[in-house]
Amino acid sequence: MANPRFAEALGHAAQKAFEAKGHLDRNIQTVLSLLSLPSRADINRLVSKLEAIQGSLVNLNLKVDRLVTESAAANRPRNHRRNDDDE
């Protein structure tokens, strides 16, 4: 790395490698699209949407459980008999 030409050549090679990877990624995306196959980005979007739906379902389930419990408590007959120990 002490040689500036070597460092410059190494930097240039790394830049070209990153550009080639970008071209390859775009080409793979195009092929997947043509074949109607989901890309990694498509799958990640679906996963995030499914996680949001799952969170909503959990919240809805908790609310329904609370309403069922409250409804059962409200419909439970009240027993006002006195114990013999109270007299």
N, C-alpha and C. Protein backbone atom coordinates (compact mmCIF):
# COMPACT_ATOMS: atom_id res chain seq x y z
N MET A 1 0.82 -1.20 0.00
CA MET A 1 0.00 0.00 0.00
C MET A 1 0.87 1.27 0.00
N ALA A 2 2.16 1.10 0.18
CA ALA A 2 3.05 2.25 0.16
C ALA A 2 3.17 2.81 -1.26
N ASN A 3 2.96 1.97 -2.26
CA ASN A 3 3.05 2.41 -3.65
C ASN A 3 1.72 3.04 -4.06
N PRO A 4 1.73 4.32 -4.44
CA PRO A 4 0.47 5.00 -4.81
C PRO A 4 -0.19 4.39 -6.04
N ARG A 5 0.59 3.88 -6.96
CA ARG A 5 0.00 3.26 -8.15
C ARG A 5 -0.74 1.98 -7.78
N PHE A 6 -0.17 1.22 -6.87
CA PHE A 6 -0.83 -0.02 -6.43
C PHE A 6 -2.15 0.31 -5.73
N ALA A 7 -2.13 1.29 -4.83
CA ALA A 7 -3.34 1.69 -4.11
C ALA A 7 -4.40 2.20 -5.09
N GLU A 8 -3.96 2.96 -6.09
CA GLU A 8 -4.91 3.47 -7.08
C GLU A 8 -5.51 2.33 -7.91
N ALA A 9 -4.68 1.39 -8.30
CA ALA A 9 -5.15 0.24 -9.08
C ALA A 9 -6.11 -0.60 -8.26
N LEU A 10 -5.80 -0.79 -6.99
CA LEU A 10 -6.67 -1.56 -6.10
C LEU A 10 -8.02 -0.86 -5.93
N GLY A 11 -8.00 0.43 -5.75
CA GLY A 11 -9.24 1.20 -5.62
C GLY A 11 -10.07 1.14 -6.90
N HIS A 12 -9.39 1.24 -8.04
CA HIS A 12 -10.08 1.17 -9.32
C HIS A 12 -10.72 -0.22 -9.52
N ALA A 13 -9.98 -1.28 -9.14
CA ALA A 13 -10.51 -2.64 -9.27
C ALA A 13 -11.72 -2.84 -8.37
N ALA A 14 -11.66 -2.31 -7.14
CA ALA A 14 -12.79 -2.43 -6.22
C ALA A 14 -14.01 -1.69 -6.77
N GLN A 15 -13.78 -0.50 -7.34
CA GLN A 15 -14.89 0.27 -7.90
C GLN A 15 -15.54 -0.50 -9.06
N LYS A 16 -14.74 -1.07 -9.93
CA LYS A 16 -15.27 -1.85 -11.05
C LYS A 16 -16.02 -3.08 -10.56
N ALA A 17 -15.53 -3.70 -9.50
CA ALA A 17 -16.21 -4.88 -8.95
C ALA A 17 -17.60 -4.50 -8.41
N PHE A 18 -17.69 -3.36 -7.72
CA PHE A 18 -18.99 -2.91 -7.21
C PHE A 18 -19.94 -2.55 -8.34
N GLU A 19 -19.42 -1.94 -9.39
CA GLU A 19 -20.26 -1.63 -10.55
C GLU A 19 -20.77 -2.91 -11.22
N ALA A 20 -19.89 -3.90 -11.35
CA ALA A 20 -20.28 -5.17 -11.96
C ALA A 20 -21.35 -5.86 -11.12
N LYS A 21 -21.20 -5.80 -9.79
CA LYS A 21 -22.21 -6.40 -8.91
C LYS A 21 -23.55 -5.69 -9.08
N GLY A 22 -23.53 -4.38 -9.22
CA GLY A 22 -24.76 -3.62 -9.44
C GLY A 22 -25.45 -4.03 -10.73
N HIS A 23 -24.65 -4.19 -11.79
CA HIS A 23 -25.21 -4.63 -13.08
C HIS A 23 -25.79 -6.04 -12.95
N LEU A 24 -25.08 -6.92 -12.28
CA LEU A 24 -25.55 -8.29 -12.09
C LEU A 24 -26.86 -8.30 -11.30
N ASP A 25 -26.94 -7.52 -10.23
CA ASP A 25 -28.16 -7.46 -9.43
C ASP A 25 -29.35 -6.98 -10.26
N ARG A 26 -29.13 -5.94 -11.08
CA ARG A 26 -30.22 -5.44 -11.92
C ARG A 26 -30.64 -6.47 -12.95
N ASN A 27 -29.68 -7.17 -13.53
CA ASN A 27 -30.00 -8.20 -14.52
C ASN A 27 -30.77 -9.36 -13.88
N ILE A 28 -30.38 -9.77 -12.70
CA ILE A 28 -31.09 -10.84 -12.00
C ILE A 28 -32.51 -10.39 -11.68
N GLN A 29 -32.67 -9.15 -11.26
CA GLN A 29 -33.99 -8.61 -10.97
C GLN A 29 -34.87 -8.66 -12.21
N THR A 30 -34.30 -8.30 -13.36
CA THR A 30 -35.04 -8.31 -14.62
C THR A 30 -35.46 -9.73 -14.99
N VAL A 31 -34.55 -10.68 -14.85
CA VAL A 31 -34.86 -12.08 -15.17
C VAL A 31 -35.96 -12.60 -14.25
N LEU A 32 -35.83 -12.33 -12.96
CA LEU A 32 -36.86 -12.78 -12.02
C LEU A 32 -38.22 -12.17 -12.37
N SER A 33 -38.21 -10.92 -12.74
CA SER A 33 -39.45 -10.24 -13.12
C SER A 33 -40.06 -10.88 -14.36
N LEU A 34 -39.23 -11.17 -15.35
CA LEU A 34 -39.72 -11.80 -16.58
C LEU A 34 -40.30 -13.19 -16.32
N LEU A 35 -39.73 -13.88 -15.34
CA LEU A 35 -40.21 -15.23 -15.01
C LEU A 35 -41.34 -15.19 -13.97
N SER A 36 -41.75 -14.00 -13.59
CA SER A 36 -42.79 -13.81 -12.56
C SER A 36 -42.41 -14.47 -11.24
N LEU A 37 -41.14 -14.39 -10.90
CA LEU A 37 -40.65 -14.91 -9.62
C LEU A 37 -40.37 -13.73 -8.70
N PRO A 38 -40.66 -13.88 -7.42
CA PRO A 38 -40.42 -12.77 -6.50
C PRO A 38 -38.93 -12.58 -6.23
N SER A 39 -38.54 -11.34 -6.10
CA SER A 39 -37.16 -11.02 -5.74
C SER A 39 -37.05 -10.99 -4.22
N ARG A 40 -35.84 -10.82 -3.72
CA ARG A 40 -35.63 -10.71 -2.28
C ARG A 40 -36.35 -9.49 -1.73
N ALA A 41 -36.34 -8.40 -2.48
CA ALA A 41 -37.04 -7.18 -2.04
C ALA A 41 -38.54 -7.43 -1.97
N ASP A 42 -39.09 -8.16 -2.95
CA ASP A 42 -40.52 -8.50 -2.92
C ASP A 42 -40.85 -9.31 -1.68
N ILE A 43 -40.02 -10.29 -1.40
CA ILE A 43 -40.26 -11.15 -0.24
C ILE A 43 -40.14 -10.35 1.04
N ASN A 44 -39.16 -9.46 1.14
CA ASN A 44 -39.02 -8.64 2.34
C ASN A 44 -40.22 -7.72 2.54
N ARG A 45 -40.77 -7.17 1.45
CA ARG A 45 -41.98 -6.33 1.57
C ARG A 45 -43.15 -7.17 2.08
N LEU A 46 -43.30 -8.39 1.55
CA LEU A 46 -44.38 -9.26 2.00
C LEU A 46 -44.22 -9.64 3.47
N VAL A 47 -43.00 -9.93 3.87
CA VAL A 47 -42.75 -10.30 5.27
C VAL A 47 -43.12 -9.15 6.19
N SER A 48 -42.74 -7.93 5.83
CA SER A 48 -43.06 -6.79 6.69
C SER A 48 -44.57 -6.57 6.76
N LYS A 49 -45.27 -6.76 5.63
CA LYS A 49 -46.73 -6.61 5.65
C LYS A 49 -47.37 -7.71 6.49
N LEU A 50 -46.87 -8.94 6.37
CA LEU A 50 -47.41 -10.03 7.18
C LEU A 50 -47.18 -9.80 8.67
N GLU A 51 -46.02 -9.25 9.03
CA GLU A 51 -45.75 -8.95 10.44
C GLU A 51 -46.71 -7.88 10.95
N ALA A 52 -47.02 -6.89 10.13
CA ALA A 52 -47.98 -5.86 10.54
C ALA A 52 -49.37 -6.46 10.72
N ILE A 53 -49.77 -7.33 9.81
CA ILE A 53 -51.08 -7.99 9.92
C ILE A 53 -51.12 -8.87 11.16
N GLN A 54 -50.03 -9.58 11.42
CA GLN A 54 -49.98 -10.44 12.61
C GLN A 54 -50.13 -9.60 13.88
N GLY A 55 -49.46 -8.46 13.93
CA GLY A 55 -49.59 -7.58 15.09
C GLY A 55 -51.02 -7.09 15.26
N SER A 56 -51.66 -6.75 14.16
CA SER A 56 -53.06 -6.30 14.23
C SER A 56 -53.97 -7.42 14.72
N LEU A 57 -53.72 -8.63 14.25
CA LEU A 57 -54.53 -9.77 14.69
C LEU A 57 -54.34 -10.06 16.18
N VAL A 58 -53.13 -9.92 16.66
CA VAL A 58 -52.88 -10.14 18.09
C VAL A 58 -53.64 -9.09 18.90
N ASN A 59 -53.57 -7.82 18.48
CA ASN A 59 -54.30 -6.76 19.19
C ASN A 59 -55.80 -7.01 19.14
N LEU A 60 -56.32 -7.41 17.99
CA LEU A 60 -57.74 -7.69 17.85
C LEU A 60 -58.15 -8.86 18.74
N ASN A 61 -57.31 -9.90 18.79
CA ASN A 61 -57.60 -11.05 19.64
C ASN A 61 -57.65 -10.66 21.12
N LEU A 62 -56.73 -9.80 21.55
CA LEU A 62 -56.75 -9.34 22.94
C LEU A 62 -58.02 -8.55 23.25
N LYS A 63 -58.44 -7.69 22.32
CA LYS A 63 -59.65 -6.90 22.53
C LYS A 63 -60.89 -7.79 22.57
N VAL A 64 -60.97 -8.79 21.69
CA VAL A 64 -62.11 -9.70 21.68
C VAL A 64 -62.15 -10.49 22.98
N ASP A 65 -61.00 -10.98 23.43
CA ASP A 65 -60.95 -11.70 24.70
C ASP A 65 -61.43 -10.84 25.85
N ARG A 66 -61.02 -9.56 25.87
CA ARG A 66 -61.45 -8.65 26.93
C ARG A 66 -62.96 -8.43 26.88
N LEU A 67 -63.50 -8.25 25.67
CA LEU A 67 -64.94 -8.05 25.53
C LEU A 67 -65.72 -9.29 25.95
N VAL A 68 -65.23 -10.46 25.60
CA VAL A 68 -65.90 -11.70 25.99
C VAL A 68 -65.89 -11.84 27.50
N THR A 69 -64.76 -11.54 28.13
CA THR A 69 -64.66 -11.62 29.59
C THR A 69 -65.61 -10.63 30.25
N GLU A 70 -65.64 -9.40 29.74
CA GLU A 70 -66.53 -8.38 30.31
C GLU A 70 -67.99 -8.77 30.12
N SER A 71 -68.33 -9.33 28.97
CA SER A 71 -69.70 -9.74 28.70
C SER A 71 -70.11 -10.89 29.61
N ALA A 72 -69.22 -11.83 29.81
CA ALA A 72 -69.53 -12.96 30.68
C ALA A 72 -69.71 -12.49 32.12
N ALA A 73 -68.89 -11.54 32.55
CA ALA A 73 -69.02 -11.01 33.92
C ALA A 73 -70.32 -10.24 34.07
N ALA A 74 -70.73 -9.51 33.05
CA ALA A 74 -71.97 -8.73 33.13
C ALA A 74 -73.19 -9.63 33.12
N ASN A 75 -73.12 -10.77 32.46
CA ASN A 75 -74.26 -11.69 32.37
C ASN A 75 -74.30 -12.71 33.49
N ARG A 76 -73.27 -12.74 34.31
CA ARG A 76 -73.23 -13.68 35.42
C ARG A 76 -74.24 -13.25 36.48
N PRO A 77 -75.10 -14.18 36.93
CA PRO A 77 -76.09 -13.80 37.95
C PRO A 77 -75.40 -13.46 39.27
N ARG A 78 -75.93 -12.43 39.90
CA ARG A 78 -75.38 -12.00 41.19
C ARG A 78 -76.02 -12.84 42.30
N ASN A 79 -75.22 -13.33 43.20
CA ASN A 79 -75.70 -14.13 44.33
C ASN A 79 -75.57 -13.27 45.58
N HIS A 80 -76.70 -12.86 46.14
CA HIS A 80 -76.69 -11.99 47.31
C HIS A 80 -77.05 -12.74 48.58
N ARG A 81 -76.93 -14.05 48.58
CA ARG A 81 -77.22 -14.80 49.81
C ARG A 81 -76.16 -14.50 50.85
N ARG A 82 -76.58 -14.48 52.07
CA ARG A 82 -75.66 -14.23 53.16
C ARG A 82 -75.15 -15.56 53.70
N ASN A 83 -73.94 -15.59 54.07
CA ASN A 83 -73.37 -16.76 54.71
C ASN A 83 -73.88 -16.88 56.13
N ASP A 84 -73.94 -18.09 56.67
CA ASP A 84 -74.33 -18.28 58.05
C ASP A 84 -73.32 -17.65 58.99
N ASP A 85 -72.08 -17.52 58.56
CA ASP A 85 -71.03 -16.93 59.39
C ASP A 85 -71.24 -15.44 59.56
N ASP A 86 -71.95 -14.81 58.63
CA ASP A 86 -72.16 -13.37 58.70
C ASP A 86 -73.20 -13.01 59.76
N GLU A 87 -74.02 -13.93 60.15
CA GLU A 87 -75.11 -13.60 61.08
C GLU A 87 -74.66 -13.62 62.50
